[in-house]
Amino acid sequence: MSRRYLTLDEAKSALNRKKDIEVFLGGFKHGSENCIRWVSVTFEGDKFKGSIWESFDQGSEDYLDIYSFSPVSGEWDIPKSFVKAETLEYLLDVMSIPKEKIVYAGVVQDEYASFINSNT
């Protein structure tokens, strides 16, 4: 059985190798629409950058490509919010991101699949 989540040291190592990490943050309502939220973290220069993304929940068990869902803001180029920090720990704390749910970029779609299964 493989492990899905990264330790904090593994996450830092990935970022130092220019591999992004993500955390699925779950669902929320925007008006009457179901939506989802996740954070992506990159390492740019000497700072960690966390971006929160929001999209309408347009998926199903057969369609998990959250990156193709329509953004709540109407613009994919602009995250809902972002934070830059000197350390990954500080960034995660400031953004209230659970350290035990960090995955490699792309694996967040598996997290979304688990979210769908737990809500049906």
C-alpha atoms as a PDB file:
ATOM      1  CA  MET A   1       0.000   0.000   0.000  1.00  0.00           C
ATOM      2  CA  SER A   2       1.446   3.353  -0.987  1.00  0.00           C
ATOM      3  CA  ARG A   3       1.382   6.496   1.074  1.00  0.00           C
ATOM      4  CA  ARG A   4      -0.459   9.527  -0.284  1.00  0.00           C
ATOM      5  CA  TYR A   5       0.639  12.258   2.116  1.00  0.00           C
ATOM      6  CA  LEU A   6       4.050  13.888   2.393  1.00  0.00           C
ATOM      7  CA  THR A   7       5.874  14.638   5.591  1.00  0.00           C
ATOM      8  CA  LEU A   8       6.952  18.228   6.072  1.00  0.00           C
ATOM      9  CA  ASP A   9      10.548  17.278   5.226  1.00  0.00           C
ATOM     10  CA  GLU A  10       9.392  15.511   2.041  1.00  0.00           C
ATOM     11  CA  ALA A  11       7.326  18.569   1.083  1.00  0.00           C
ATOM     12  CA  LYS A  12      10.339  20.871   1.554  1.00  0.00           C
ATOM     13  CA  SER A  13      12.508  18.516  -0.487  1.00  0.00           C
ATOM     14  CA  ALA A  14       9.957  18.480  -3.305  1.00  0.00           C
ATOM     15  CA  LEU A  15       9.748  22.273  -3.326  1.00  0.00           C
ATOM     16  CA  ASN A  16      13.550  22.561  -3.395  1.00  0.00           C
ATOM     17  CA  ARG A  17      13.469  20.301  -6.483  1.00  0.00           C
ATOM     18  CA  LYS A  18      10.929  22.712  -8.103  1.00  0.00           C
ATOM     19  CA  LYS A  19       8.040  20.252  -7.588  1.00  0.00           C
ATOM     20  CA  ASP A  20       4.858  21.942  -6.390  1.00  0.00           C
ATOM     21  CA  ILE A  21       2.778  20.621  -3.513  1.00  0.00           C
ATOM     22  CA  GLU A  22      -0.945  20.976  -2.838  1.00  0.00           C
ATOM     23  CA  VAL A  23      -3.550  20.494  -0.131  1.00  0.00           C
ATOM     24  CA  PHE A  24      -7.253  19.920  -0.804  1.00  0.00           C
ATOM     25  CA  LEU A  25      -9.242  22.132   1.569  1.00  0.00           C
ATOM     26  CA  GLY A  26     -12.741  20.823   0.918  1.00  0.00           C
ATOM     27  CA  GLY A  27     -16.038  22.228  -0.178  1.00  0.00           C
ATOM     28  CA  PHE A  28     -17.991  25.401   0.457  1.00  0.00           C
ATOM     29  CA  LYS A  29     -21.080  27.199  -0.844  1.00  0.00           C
ATOM     30  CA  HIS A  30     -20.961  30.245  -3.098  1.00  0.00           C
ATOM     31  CA  GLY A  31     -24.552  31.408  -3.126  1.00  0.00           C
ATOM     32  CA  SER A  32     -26.431  28.232  -3.988  1.00  0.00           C
ATOM     33  CA  GLU A  33     -23.503  26.644  -5.856  1.00  0.00           C
ATOM     34  CA  ASN A  34     -21.262  23.905  -4.482  1.00  0.00           C
ATOM     35  CA  CYS A  35     -17.592  24.821  -4.744  1.00  0.00           C
ATOM     36  CA  ILE A  36     -14.199  23.415  -3.790  1.00  0.00           C
ATOM     37  CA  ARG A  37     -10.982  24.979  -2.553  1.00  0.00           C
ATOM     38  CA  TRP A  38      -7.336  23.900  -2.556  1.00  0.00           C
ATOM     39  CA  VAL A  39      -3.939  25.465  -2.023  1.00  0.00           C
ATOM     40  CA  SER A  40      -0.869  25.121  -4.201  1.00  0.00           C
ATOM     41  CA  VAL A  41       2.591  25.869  -2.835  1.00  0.00           C
ATOM     42  CA  THR A  42       5.661  26.758  -4.895  1.00  0.00           C
ATOM     43  CA  PHE A  43       9.184  27.847  -4.026  1.00  0.00           C
ATOM     44  CA  GLU A  44      10.093  31.052  -5.863  1.00  0.00           C
ATOM     45  CA  GLY A  45      13.564  32.461  -5.400  1.00  0.00           C
ATOM     46  CA  ASP A  46      14.018  32.368  -1.642  1.00  0.00           C
ATOM     47  CA  LYS A  47      10.339  32.393  -0.595  1.00  0.00           C
ATOM     48  CA  PHE A  48       7.526  29.907  -0.371  1.00  0.00           C
ATOM     49  CA  LYS A  49       4.318  31.029  -2.092  1.00  0.00           C
ATOM     50  CA  GLY A  50       0.923  29.572  -1.217  1.00  0.00           C
ATOM     51  CA  SER A  51      -2.034  30.263  -3.510  1.00  0.00           C
ATOM     52  CA  ILE A  52      -5.634  29.417  -2.672  1.00  0.00           C
ATOM     53  CA  TRP A  53      -7.756  28.380  -5.640  1.00  0.00           C
ATOM     54  CA  GLU A  54     -11.544  28.123  -5.752  1.00  0.00           C
ATOM     55  CA  SER A  55     -13.710  26.522  -8.403  1.00  0.00           C
ATOM     56  CA  PHE A  56     -17.254  25.402  -8.863  1.00  0.00           C
ATOM     57  CA  ASP A  57     -17.670  21.730  -7.974  1.00  0.00           C
ATOM     58  CA  GLN A  58     -18.351  20.378 -11.463  1.00  0.00           C
ATOM     59  CA  GLY A  59     -16.872  16.918 -10.984  1.00  0.00           C
ATOM     60  CA  SER A  60     -18.083  13.381 -10.541  1.00  0.00           C
ATOM     61  CA  GLU A  61     -16.530   9.993  -9.844  1.00  0.00           C
ATOM     62  CA  ASP A  62     -15.705   9.862 -13.576  1.00  0.00           C
ATOM     63  CA  TYR A  63     -14.532  13.463 -13.894  1.00  0.00           C
ATOM     64  CA  LEU A  64     -11.910  14.569 -11.361  1.00  0.00           C
ATOM     65  CA  ASP A  65      -9.914  17.214 -13.265  1.00  0.00           C
ATOM     66  CA  ILE A  66     -10.366  20.057 -10.787  1.00  0.00           C
ATOM     67  CA  TYR A  67      -7.970  22.190 -12.813  1.00  0.00           C
ATOM     68  CA  SER A  68     -10.544  22.328 -15.606  1.00  0.00           C
ATOM     69  CA  PHE A  69     -13.508  23.335 -13.415  1.00  0.00           C
ATOM     70  CA  SER A  70     -14.788  26.894 -13.788  1.00  0.00           C
ATOM     71  CA  PRO A  71     -13.150  29.264 -11.292  1.00  0.00           C
ATOM     72  CA  VAL A  72     -15.447  31.042  -8.850  1.00  0.00           C
ATOM     73  CA  SER A  73     -13.706  34.353  -9.599  1.00  0.00           C
ATOM     74  CA  GLY A  74     -13.942  33.885 -13.371  1.00  0.00           C
ATOM     75  CA  GLU A  75     -10.136  34.142 -13.701  1.00  0.00           C
ATOM     76  CA  TRP A  76      -7.741  31.190 -13.400  1.00  0.00           C
ATOM     77  CA  ASP A  77      -4.683  33.422 -13.553  1.00  0.00           C
ATOM     78  CA  ILE A  78      -5.526  35.052 -10.243  1.00  0.00           C
ATOM     79  CA  PRO A  79      -5.810  32.957  -7.068  1.00  0.00           C
ATOM     80  CA  LYS A  80      -8.409  33.771  -4.416  1.00  0.00           C
ATOM     81  CA  SER A  81      -5.494  34.781  -2.185  1.00  0.00           C
ATOM     82  CA  PHE A  82      -1.810  34.125  -1.768  1.00  0.00           C
ATOM     83  CA  VAL A  83       0.884  34.412   0.873  1.00  0.00           C
ATOM     84  CA  LYS A  84       4.677  34.524   0.591  1.00  0.00           C
ATOM     85  CA  ALA A  85       6.816  33.381   3.509  1.00  0.00           C
ATOM     86  CA  GLU A  86      10.404  32.628   4.470  1.00  0.00           C
ATOM     87  CA  THR A  87       9.561  29.134   5.764  1.00  0.00           C
ATOM     88  CA  LEU A  88       7.063  26.490   4.756  1.00  0.00           C
ATOM     89  CA  GLU A  89       5.951  26.031   8.364  1.00  0.00           C
ATOM     90  CA  TYR A  90       5.092  29.717   8.690  1.00  0.00           C
ATOM     91  CA  LEU A  91       3.235  29.722   5.369  1.00  0.00           C
ATOM     92  CA  LEU A  92       1.125  26.718   6.367  1.00  0.00           C
ATOM     93  CA  ASP A  93       0.367  28.216   9.780  1.00  0.00           C
ATOM     94  CA  VAL A  94      -0.617  31.641   8.396  1.00  0.00           C
ATOM     95  CA  MET A  95      -2.866  30.033   5.777  1.00  0.00           C
ATOM     96  CA  SER A  96      -4.327  27.508   8.289  1.00  0.00           C
ATOM     97  CA  ILE A  97      -3.288  24.626   6.035  1.00  0.00           C
ATOM     98  CA  PRO A  98      -3.252  21.141   7.608  1.00  0.00           C
ATOM     99  CA  LYS A  99       0.336  19.832   7.541  1.00  0.00           C
ATOM    100  CA  GLU A 100      -0.824  16.215   7.507  1.00  0.00           C
ATOM    101  CA  LYS A 101      -2.676  16.541   4.170  1.00  0.00           C
ATOM    102  CA  ILE A 102       0.172  17.695   1.883  1.00  0.00           C
ATOM    103  CA  VAL A 103       0.413  15.911  -1.478  1.00  0.00           C
ATOM    104  CA  TYR A 104       2.389  16.338  -4.686  1.00  0.00           C
ATOM    105  CA  ALA A 105       0.738  18.565  -7.309  1.00  0.00           C
ATOM    106  CA  GLY A 106      -1.776  16.519  -9.265  1.00  0.00           C
ATOM    107  CA  VAL A 107      -2.490  14.131  -6.398  1.00  0.00           C
ATOM    108  CA  VAL A 108      -4.956  16.704  -5.077  1.00  0.00           C
ATOM    109  CA  GLN A 109      -7.396  15.195  -7.583  1.00  0.00           C
ATOM    110  CA  ASP A 110      -7.251  11.935  -5.599  1.00  0.00           C
ATOM    111  CA  GLU A 111      -8.131  14.001  -2.538  1.00  0.00           C
ATOM    112  CA  TYR A 112     -11.085  15.415  -4.469  1.00  0.00           C
ATOM    113  CA  ALA A 113     -12.172  11.866  -5.366  1.00  0.00           C
ATOM    114  CA  SER A 114     -12.146  10.959  -1.656  1.00  0.00           C
ATOM    115  CA  PHE A 115     -14.171  14.122  -0.960  1.00  0.00           C
ATOM    116  CA  ILE A 116     -16.774  13.116  -3.562  1.00  0.00           C
ATOM    117  CA  ASN A 117     -17.005   9.578  -2.162  1.00  0.00           C
ATOM    118  CA  SER A 118     -17.470  10.856   1.392  1.00  0.00           C
ATOM    119  CA  ASN A 119     -20.244  13.249   0.310  1.00  0.00           C
ATOM    120  CA  THR A 120     -22.373  10.815  -1.733  1.00  0.00           C
END
